[in-house]
Protein backbone atom coordinates (compact mmCIF):
# COMPACT_ATOMS: atom_id res chain seq x y z
CA UNK A 1 0.00 0.00 0.00
CA UNK A 2 2.87 2.33 0.81
CA UNK A 3 4.44 1.52 -2.55
CA UNK A 4 1.24 2.50 -4.34
CA UNK A 5 1.16 5.80 -2.47
CA UNK A 6 4.82 6.50 -3.29
CA UNK A 7 4.28 5.78 -6.99
CA UNK A 8 1.24 8.07 -7.11
CA UNK A 9 3.02 10.82 -5.18
CA UNK A 10 6.05 10.80 -7.46
CA UNK A 11 4.27 10.30 -10.80
CA UNK A 12 0.75 11.74 -10.51
CA UNK A 13 1.55 14.61 -12.85
CA UNK A 14 2.86 12.23 -15.53
CA UNK A 15 -0.31 10.14 -15.23
CA UNK A 16 -2.45 13.25 -15.40
CA UNK A 17 -0.96 15.33 -18.25
CA UNK A 18 2.18 13.48 -19.37
CA UNK A 19 5.17 15.73 -20.05
CA UNK A 20 3.04 18.83 -20.63
CA UNK A 21 3.96 21.78 -20.71
CA UNK A 22 7.58 20.71 -21.33
CA UNK A 23 6.48 18.13 -23.89
CA UNK A 24 3.40 16.77 -25.60
CA UNK A 25 0.18 16.42 -23.65
CA UNK A 26 -0.34 12.92 -22.29
CA UNK A 27 -1.81 10.89 -19.46
CA UNK A 28 -5.49 10.75 -18.65
CA UNK A 29 -6.03 14.18 -20.22
CA UNK A 30 -4.76 12.92 -23.57
CA UNK A 31 -6.98 9.83 -23.24
CA UNK A 32 -10.09 11.92 -22.60
CA UNK A 33 -9.26 14.47 -25.31
CA UNK A 34 -8.75 11.67 -27.84
CA UNK A 35 -12.03 10.04 -26.85
CA UNK A 36 -14.05 13.27 -26.96
CA UNK A 37 -12.61 14.34 -30.32
CA UNK A 38 -13.00 10.83 -31.73
CA UNK A 39 -16.69 10.60 -30.80
CA UNK A 40 -17.41 14.22 -31.79
CA UNK A 41 -15.89 13.80 -35.25
CA UNK A 42 -17.25 10.29 -35.75
CA UNK A 43 -20.83 11.23 -34.91
CA UNK A 44 -21.60 13.31 -38.05
CA UNK A 45 -19.96 10.58 -40.13
CA UNK A 46 -22.07 7.93 -38.40
CA UNK A 47 -25.28 9.84 -39.12
CA UNK A 48 -24.41 10.05 -42.81
CA UNK A 49 -23.50 6.35 -42.89
CA UNK A 50 -26.74 5.38 -41.14
CA UNK A 51 -28.81 7.45 -43.56
CA UNK A 52 -26.93 5.88 -46.47
CA UNK A 53 -27.65 2.39 -45.14
CA UNK A 54 -31.35 3.20 -44.79
CA UNK A 55 -31.62 5.03 -48.09
CA UNK A 56 -33.62 3.53 -50.96
CA UNK A 57 -30.65 4.08 -53.32
CA UNK A 58 -28.43 1.03 -53.73
CA UNK A 59 -25.48 3.11 -54.91
CA UNK A 60 -25.31 4.53 -51.37
CA UNK A 61 -26.56 1.57 -49.38
CA UNK A 62 -24.29 -1.20 -50.66
CA UNK A 63 -20.85 0.49 -50.36
CA UNK A 64 -21.72 1.88 -46.92
CA UNK A 65 -22.89 -1.52 -45.71
CA UNK A 66 -19.67 -3.11 -46.95
CA UNK A 67 -17.56 -0.44 -45.21
CA UNK A 68 -19.39 -0.92 -41.90
CA UNK A 69 -19.01 -4.70 -42.02
CA UNK A 70 -15.31 -4.49 -42.89
CA UNK A 71 -14.46 -1.99 -40.13
CA UNK A 72 -16.49 -3.85 -37.53
CA UNK A 73 -15.09 -7.19 -38.63
CA UNK A 74 -11.39 -6.45 -38.10
CA UNK A 75 -9.50 -5.80 -34.83
CA UNK A 76 -8.95 -2.18 -33.83
CA UNK A 77 -5.19 -2.75 -33.80
CA UNK A 78 -5.35 -3.66 -37.48
CA UNK A 79 -7.20 -0.43 -38.27
CA UNK A 80 -4.58 1.52 -36.32
CA UNK A 81 -1.78 -0.02 -38.40
CA UNK A 82 -3.66 0.62 -41.65
CA UNK A 83 -4.11 4.28 -40.79
CA UNK A 84 -0.55 4.56 -39.49
CA UNK A 85 0.93 3.47 -42.82
CA UNK A 86 -1.74 4.69 -45.29
CA UNK A 87 -2.35 8.27 -44.11
CA UNK A 88 1.26 9.43 -44.75
CA UNK A 89 1.06 7.86 -48.23
CA UNK A 90 -2.21 9.65 -49.00
CA UNK A 91 -1.18 13.13 -47.80
CA UNK A 92 2.52 12.91 -48.64
CA UNK A 93 3.92 13.65 -45.18
CA UNK A 94 4.27 12.04 -41.78
CA UNK A 95 1.63 12.58 -39.11
CA UNK A 96 1.86 12.34 -35.35
CA UNK A 97 0.69 9.35 -33.37
CA UNK A 98 -2.08 11.48 -31.87
CA UNK A 99 -3.43 12.35 -35.32
CA UNK A 100 -3.17 8.73 -36.44
CA UNK A 101 -5.10 7.50 -33.39
CA UNK A 102 -7.70 10.23 -33.85
CA UNK A 103 -8.27 9.25 -37.50
CA UNK A 104 -8.54 5.61 -36.40
CA UNK A 105 -11.14 6.41 -33.77
CA UNK A 106 -13.18 8.47 -36.24
CA UNK A 107 -13.29 5.56 -38.70
CA UNK A 108 -13.81 2.83 -36.11
CA UNK A 109 -16.34 4.67 -33.94
CA UNK A 110 -18.10 5.99 -37.03
CA UNK A 111 -18.85 2.43 -38.12
CA UNK A 112 -20.12 1.40 -34.69
CA UNK A 113 -22.10 4.58 -34.08
CA UNK A 114 -23.74 4.27 -37.50
CA UNK A 115 -25.38 1.06 -36.27
CA UNK A 116 -26.54 2.85 -33.12
CA UNK A 117 -28.04 5.66 -35.21
CA UNK A 118 -29.63 3.20 -37.62
CA UNK A 119 -31.19 1.24 -34.75
CA UNK A 120 -32.51 4.46 -33.21
CA UNK A 121 -34.15 5.48 -36.47
CA UNK A 122 -35.66 2.06 -37.07
CA UNK A 123 -37.02 1.97 -33.50
CA UNK A 124 -39.38 4.85 -34.31
CA UNK A 125 -42.81 4.06 -35.78
CA UNK A 126 -42.59 3.90 -39.55
CA UNK A 127 -45.79 5.91 -39.79
CA UNK A 128 -43.90 9.06 -38.74
CA UNK A 129 -41.75 8.98 -41.86
CA UNK A 130 -44.77 8.24 -44.03
CA UNK A 131 -46.74 11.09 -42.44
CA UNK A 132 -43.85 13.50 -42.98
CA UNK A 133 -43.62 12.44 -46.62
CA UNK A 134 -47.39 12.87 -46.99
CA UNK A 135 -47.05 16.48 -45.81
CA UNK A 136 -44.77 17.19 -48.75
CA UNK A 137 -41.33 16.66 -47.21
CA UNK A 138 -38.66 14.92 -49.22
CA UNK A 139 -37.02 11.76 -47.86
CA UNK A 140 -34.00 13.69 -46.59
CA UNK A 141 -36.16 16.53 -45.31
CA UNK A 142 -38.36 14.15 -43.34
CA UNK A 143 -35.31 12.42 -41.88
CA UNK A 144 -33.69 15.72 -40.90
CA UNK A 145 -36.68 17.51 -39.41
CA UNK A 146 -38.84 14.68 -38.02
CA UNK A 147 -36.98 11.40 -37.53
CA UNK A 148 -33.43 12.34 -36.51
CA UNK A 149 -34.34 14.71 -33.61
CA UNK A 150 -36.37 11.97 -31.93
CA UNK A 151 -33.90 9.20 -32.70
CA UNK A 152 -30.86 11.14 -31.47
CA UNK A 153 -32.52 11.93 -28.15
CA UNK A 154 -33.36 8.27 -27.61
CA UNK A 155 -29.78 7.31 -28.50
CA UNK A 156 -28.05 9.50 -25.88
CA UNK A 157 -27.40 6.61 -23.43
CA UNK A 158 -25.98 4.45 -26.24
CA UNK A 159 -23.76 7.30 -27.40
CA UNK A 160 -22.36 7.73 -23.91
CA UNK A 161 -21.75 3.99 -23.65
CA UNK A 162 -19.84 4.15 -26.92
CA UNK A 163 -17.77 6.97 -25.45
CA UNK A 164 -16.81 4.59 -22.62
CA UNK A 165 -15.68 2.10 -25.26
CA UNK A 166 -13.63 4.83 -26.95
CA UNK A 167 -11.85 5.58 -23.67
CA UNK A 168 -10.79 1.93 -23.39
CA UNK A 169 -9.85 1.73 -27.08
CA UNK A 170 -7.32 4.55 -26.71
CA UNK A 171 -5.13 2.14 -24.73
CA UNK A 172 -3.94 0.67 -28.03
CA UNK A 173 -2.46 4.04 -28.96
CA UNK A 174 0.73 3.20 -27.08
CA UNK A 175 1.82 0.92 -29.96
CA UNK A 176 2.25 4.03 -32.15
CA UNK A 177 3.68 6.15 -29.30
CA UNK A 178 0.55 8.08 -28.43
CA UNK A 179 1.34 9.41 -24.97
CA UNK A 180 -1.99 8.55 -23.39
CA UNK A 181 -2.54 7.01 -19.95
CA UNK A 182 -1.26 3.50 -20.78
CA UNK A 183 1.87 4.97 -22.39
CA UNK A 184 2.51 7.06 -19.27
CA UNK A 185 2.08 4.01 -17.03
CA UNK A 186 4.53 2.08 -19.22
CA UNK A 187 7.05 4.92 -18.84
CA UNK A 188 6.74 4.73 -15.06
CA UNK A 189 7.15 0.96 -15.16
CA UNK A 190 10.31 1.29 -17.26
CA UNK A 191 11.74 3.71 -14.70
CA UNK A 192 10.94 1.58 -11.66
CA UNK A 193 11.51 -1.87 -13.28
CA UNK A 194 10.71 -3.78 -10.08
CA UNK A 195 7.07 -2.79 -9.45
CA UNK A 196 5.01 -3.63 -12.56
CA UNK A 197 2.07 -4.95 -10.53
CA UNK A 198 1.75 -1.71 -8.57
CA UNK A 199 1.99 0.49 -11.66
CA UNK A 200 -0.55 -1.40 -13.72
CA UNK A 201 -2.83 -1.83 -10.72
CA UNK A 202 -2.99 1.97 -10.49
CA UNK A 203 -3.65 2.05 -14.23
CA UNK A 204 -6.50 -0.47 -13.95
CA UNK A 205 -8.10 1.40 -11.03
CA UNK A 206 -7.89 4.69 -12.93
CA UNK A 207 -9.62 3.24 -15.99
CA UNK A 208 -12.23 1.57 -13.79
CA UNK A 209 -13.09 4.81 -11.98
CA UNK A 210 -13.41 6.78 -15.22
CA UNK A 211 -15.40 4.13 -17.09
CA UNK A 212 -17.62 3.28 -14.12
CA UNK A 213 -18.50 6.95 -13.63
CA UNK A 214 -19.40 7.34 -17.29
CA UNK A 215 -21.41 4.10 -17.22
CA UNK A 216 -23.41 5.34 -14.25
CA UNK A 217 -24.09 8.56 -16.13
CA UNK A 218 -25.26 6.56 -19.14
CA UNK A 219 -27.63 4.54 -16.94
CA UNK A 220 -29.02 7.74 -15.40
CA UNK A 221 -29.61 9.15 -18.88
CA UNK A 222 -31.31 5.93 -19.94
CA UNK A 223 -33.67 6.08 -16.96
CA UNK A 224 -34.43 9.72 -17.72
CA UNK A 225 -35.19 8.98 -21.38
CA UNK A 226 -37.36 6.00 -20.39
CA UNK A 227 -39.37 8.09 -17.91
CA UNK A 228 -39.93 10.78 -20.50
CA UNK A 229 -41.14 8.18 -23.01
CA UNK A 230 -43.51 6.68 -20.45
CA UNK A 231 -44.76 10.14 -19.51
CA UNK A 232 -45.51 10.94 -23.13
CA UNK A 233 -47.29 7.62 -23.60
CA UNK A 234 -49.18 8.05 -20.34
CA UNK A 235 -50.47 11.54 -21.04
CA UNK A 236 -51.91 10.70 -24.46
CA UNK A 237 -54.69 8.33 -23.29
CA UNK A 238 -55.46 10.59 -20.32
CA UNK A 239 -56.62 13.36 -22.62
CA UNK A 240 -59.12 11.16 -24.42
CA UNK A 241 -61.82 10.96 -21.68
CA UNK A 242 -61.80 14.69 -21.13
CA UNK A 243 -62.07 15.28 -24.85
CA UNK A 244 -64.94 12.85 -25.13
CA UNK A 245 -66.69 14.45 -22.16
CA UNK A 246 -66.30 17.87 -23.69
CA UNK A 247 -67.80 16.58 -26.94
CA UNK A 248 -70.79 15.11 -25.09
CA UNK A 249 -71.51 18.34 -23.25
């Protein structure tokens, strides 16, 4: 226990922000920044991919479906290596490990989030889309103004759960020298040499606290969304007797 305290006391700043401001940002801050940026940039892409998969046009649906299946069917480490070697070839210059990991998360999370968005859209009654089309809206207009606002609200807990997954997925960034939390813990372990259990126990506890807190938040959001749905469903029948009574009078 004393060893754990000594390691935290001597290395808490490295675990928190890495070598910043004397070097690149790292530690848990880098992990969270990577996760937030990855989800934020992947979300618009996932919406477009979900709409393409649900579209009546095969030229959009088939390639998008193939892309989603390919990305979801290979290990994340393989996607990291693809991006690590392909991006410099495409743009003609080297990129940092942080940028490589961010591009990987955008592609990988975009594929997974597209399925979340698609499921949220398909969970809504199909009559809403048909009613919106009957009022003169185009397919895209009905999706944008009627379907997506409802679907995205219902998907908030799933989006937060996917953010938890993104936090854990950043651990693989150490293989391309992204100075996130796992990389910082590995640096500490290389300095101490004799206390790997203590170092990686601290690492495991840190990830558990962060992910557990976010999971609890996702469950709270899910309960809130469920209560709002039940409230909306419960108020609709309640208005019918009063309306009928008013008609009779």
